[in-house]
Amino acid sequence: MAITLRPEQEQIVRELLLSGGYENADDAIDAALEMLRSQNEWLLANRSAVDARIRQGIAELDRGEGIPEGDLDAHLARLKAEPAAANAVG
């Protein structure tokens, strides 16, 4: 199978190579595909939990329990700063 990368994709691969994390383009693409496969497996394995959290969030918004728009960026920054285990679906 031959794949043609768009210029912006080629730029990402070049940046990855320049970072020193990968020896060649194949290694960078292999890592990206492995992450995609892993993420897809996780999503499939956790689909019902993710769907439940989405339904819960929609219900909270319907009750007016959402985060005000002006506070959203700060809230998301706090979530990103938390350890990964605290953000796990479950």
Protein backbone atom coordinates (compact mmCIF):
# COMPACT_ATOMS: atom_id res chain seq x y z
CA MET A 1 0.00 0.00 0.00
CA ALA A 2 1.40 3.37 -0.96
CA ILE A 3 0.37 6.41 1.08
CA THR A 4 0.91 10.01 0.09
CA LEU A 5 1.22 12.48 2.94
CA ARG A 6 -0.17 15.97 2.68
CA PRO A 7 2.40 18.75 3.16
CA GLU A 8 1.21 19.45 6.72
CA GLN A 9 1.58 15.75 7.57
CA GLU A 10 5.09 15.70 6.11
CA GLN A 11 5.91 18.71 8.27
CA ILE A 12 4.77 16.87 11.39
CA VAL A 13 6.99 13.91 10.51
CA ARG A 14 9.95 16.25 9.89
CA GLU A 15 9.38 17.90 13.28
CA LEU A 16 9.26 14.50 14.96
CA LEU A 17 12.53 13.52 13.34
CA LEU A 18 14.16 16.80 14.34
CA SER A 19 13.06 16.27 17.94
CA GLY A 20 15.34 13.24 18.04
CA GLY A 21 12.60 10.90 19.19
CA TYR A 22 12.60 8.83 16.01
CA GLU A 23 15.38 7.52 13.78
CA ASN A 24 13.38 7.72 10.57
CA ALA A 25 9.96 8.52 9.13
CA ASP A 26 8.86 4.87 9.29
CA ASP A 27 9.49 4.79 13.05
CA ALA A 28 7.47 7.99 13.55
CA ILE A 29 4.56 6.69 11.46
CA ASP A 30 4.70 3.28 13.19
CA ALA A 31 4.42 5.02 16.57
CA ALA A 32 1.51 7.16 15.36
CA LEU A 33 -0.35 4.14 14.03
CA GLU A 34 0.25 2.22 17.25
CA MET A 35 -1.16 5.13 19.27
CA LEU A 36 -4.19 5.29 16.97
CA ARG A 37 -4.75 1.53 17.29
CA SER A 38 -4.40 1.70 21.07
CA GLN A 39 -6.75 4.66 21.35
CA ASN A 40 -9.34 2.94 19.17
CA GLU A 41 -9.14 -0.23 21.28
CA TRP A 42 -9.60 1.83 24.45
CA LEU A 43 -12.60 3.66 22.99
CA LEU A 44 -14.21 0.39 21.92
CA ALA A 45 -13.57 -1.21 25.31
CA ASN A 46 -14.93 1.81 27.19
CA ARG A 47 -17.75 2.82 24.86
CA SER A 48 -20.57 2.31 27.37
CA ALA A 49 -18.72 4.26 30.10
CA VAL A 50 -17.96 7.11 27.70
CA ASP A 51 -21.57 7.18 26.50
CA ALA A 52 -22.80 7.23 30.11
CA ARG A 53 -20.50 10.17 30.95
CA ILE A 54 -21.74 12.05 27.87
CA ARG A 55 -25.37 11.44 28.87
CA GLN A 56 -24.56 12.57 32.41
CA GLY A 57 -22.95 15.75 31.10
CA ILE A 58 -25.90 16.55 28.86
CA ALA A 59 -28.29 16.02 31.78
CA GLU A 60 -26.19 18.35 33.95
CA LEU A 61 -26.24 21.00 31.24
CA ASP A 62 -30.01 20.60 30.90
CA ARG A 63 -30.29 21.28 34.64
CA GLY A 64 -28.12 24.39 34.29
CA GLU A 65 -25.14 22.82 36.06
CA GLY A 66 -22.63 23.59 33.33
CA ILE A 67 -19.47 25.66 33.64
CA PRO A 68 -19.95 29.28 32.59
CA GLU A 69 -18.22 30.02 29.29
CA GLY A 70 -15.91 32.56 30.88
CA ASP A 71 -14.63 29.92 33.32
CA LEU A 72 -14.21 27.10 30.83
CA ASP A 73 -10.59 27.74 29.79
CA ALA A 74 -9.41 27.84 33.41
CA HIS A 75 -11.41 24.71 34.23
CA LEU A 76 -9.90 22.80 31.30
CA ALA A 77 -6.40 23.94 32.28
CA ARG A 78 -6.98 22.54 35.79
CA LEU A 79 -8.17 19.23 34.37
CA LYS A 80 -5.12 18.96 32.10
CA ALA A 81 -2.85 19.57 35.09
CA GLU A 82 -4.38 16.67 37.06
CA PRO A 83 -2.72 13.25 36.95
CA ALA A 84 -3.99 11.04 34.12
CA ALA A 85 -5.62 8.59 36.52
CA ALA A 86 -7.93 11.31 37.82
CA ASN A 87 -9.23 11.94 34.29
CA ALA A 88 -9.90 8.28 33.48
CA VAL A 89 -13.42 7.27 32.51
CA GLY A 90 -14.96 4.80 34.89
